[in-house]
Amino acid sequence: MKTGIPSMMPVRSVLLLALAGTLALSACGRKAPLDTPYQAAVDARREAAENNEPLPPEPTPPVKDRRFILDGLID
């Protein structure tokens, strides 16, 4: 009959498997700037026109941002 601390082998293998999975998935993703909702709508409309599909509604361009007094703290 065994007494004392159980073997650490299953714990090590689970931790190594979790580490390997984390490293494998860390490279997934998009290495480009994110699209704005307006740009995504323009792209979707262009792709629909190219594929002869029904066109989604025309997106409205975004309103130009106005400066605020505290914006200088962020810049």
Protein backbone atom coordinates (compact mmCIF):
# COMPACT_ATOMS: atom_id res chain seq x y z
CA MET A 1 0.00 0.00 0.00
CA LYS A 2 1.38 3.40 -1.03
CA THR A 3 1.35 6.31 1.34
CA GLY A 4 2.50 9.87 0.98
CA ILE A 5 2.49 12.25 -1.97
CA PRO A 6 1.00 10.90 -5.20
CA SER A 7 3.10 10.88 -8.33
CA MET A 8 3.53 14.25 -10.05
CA MET A 9 3.67 12.65 -13.52
CA PRO A 10 -0.03 13.19 -14.45
CA VAL A 11 0.11 16.80 -13.25
CA ARG A 12 3.24 17.49 -15.29
CA SER A 13 1.81 15.97 -18.43
CA VAL A 14 -1.40 18.00 -18.11
CA LEU A 15 0.58 21.21 -17.55
CA LEU A 16 2.86 20.49 -20.52
CA LEU A 17 -0.14 19.74 -22.71
CA ALA A 18 -1.83 22.99 -21.64
CA LEU A 19 1.38 24.94 -22.31
CA ALA A 20 1.77 23.35 -25.75
CA GLY A 21 -1.85 24.17 -26.61
CA THR A 22 -1.42 27.76 -25.47
CA LEU A 23 1.71 28.21 -27.56
CA ALA A 24 0.09 26.61 -30.59
CA LEU A 25 -2.94 28.90 -30.43
CA SER A 26 -1.00 32.06 -29.61
CA ALA A 27 0.05 32.49 -33.24
CA CYS A 28 -3.54 32.43 -34.49
CA GLY A 29 -5.04 35.76 -35.37
CA ARG A 30 -5.03 38.61 -37.78
CA LYS A 31 -1.94 40.77 -38.17
CA ALA A 32 -3.64 43.79 -39.63
CA PRO A 33 -5.48 46.80 -38.32
CA LEU A 34 -9.12 46.19 -37.50
CA ASP A 35 -11.78 47.33 -39.96
CA THR A 36 -14.21 50.01 -38.93
CA PRO A 37 -17.90 49.13 -39.22
CA TYR A 38 -18.16 51.54 -42.15
CA GLN A 39 -15.24 49.93 -43.99
CA ALA A 40 -16.67 46.45 -43.36
CA ALA A 41 -20.02 47.54 -44.81
CA VAL A 42 -18.32 49.03 -47.88
CA ASP A 43 -16.33 45.81 -48.40
CA ALA A 44 -19.46 43.66 -48.00
CA ARG A 45 -21.30 45.81 -50.56
CA ARG A 46 -18.38 45.56 -53.02
CA GLU A 47 -18.17 41.76 -52.63
CA ALA A 48 -21.92 41.41 -53.14
CA ALA A 49 -21.69 43.47 -56.35
CA GLU A 50 -18.84 41.29 -57.62
CA ASN A 51 -20.79 38.08 -56.93
CA ASN A 52 -24.08 39.36 -58.43
CA GLU A 53 -25.84 39.04 -55.07
CA PRO A 54 -28.43 41.44 -53.64
CA LEU A 55 -26.71 44.58 -52.42
CA PRO A 56 -26.86 45.47 -48.72
CA PRO A 57 -27.97 49.02 -47.90
CA GLU A 58 -25.57 51.85 -48.64
CA PRO A 59 -23.52 52.60 -45.49
CA THR A 60 -23.49 56.14 -44.18
CA PRO A 61 -20.00 57.58 -43.75
CA PRO A 62 -18.96 58.24 -40.16
CA VAL A 63 -19.15 61.74 -38.73
CA LYS A 64 -15.77 63.43 -38.33
CA ASP A 65 -14.59 63.36 -34.72
CA ARG A 66 -14.45 66.68 -32.95
CA ARG A 67 -11.58 67.42 -30.61
CA PHE A 68 -12.25 67.64 -26.87
CA ILE A 69 -10.23 69.61 -24.33
CA LEU A 70 -8.86 66.49 -22.64
CA ASP A 71 -7.83 64.76 -25.89
CA GLY A 72 -4.35 66.22 -25.45
CA LEU A 73 -3.83 63.97 -22.43
CA ILE A 74 -4.32 60.86 -24.58
CA ASP A 75 -2.20 61.97 -27.55
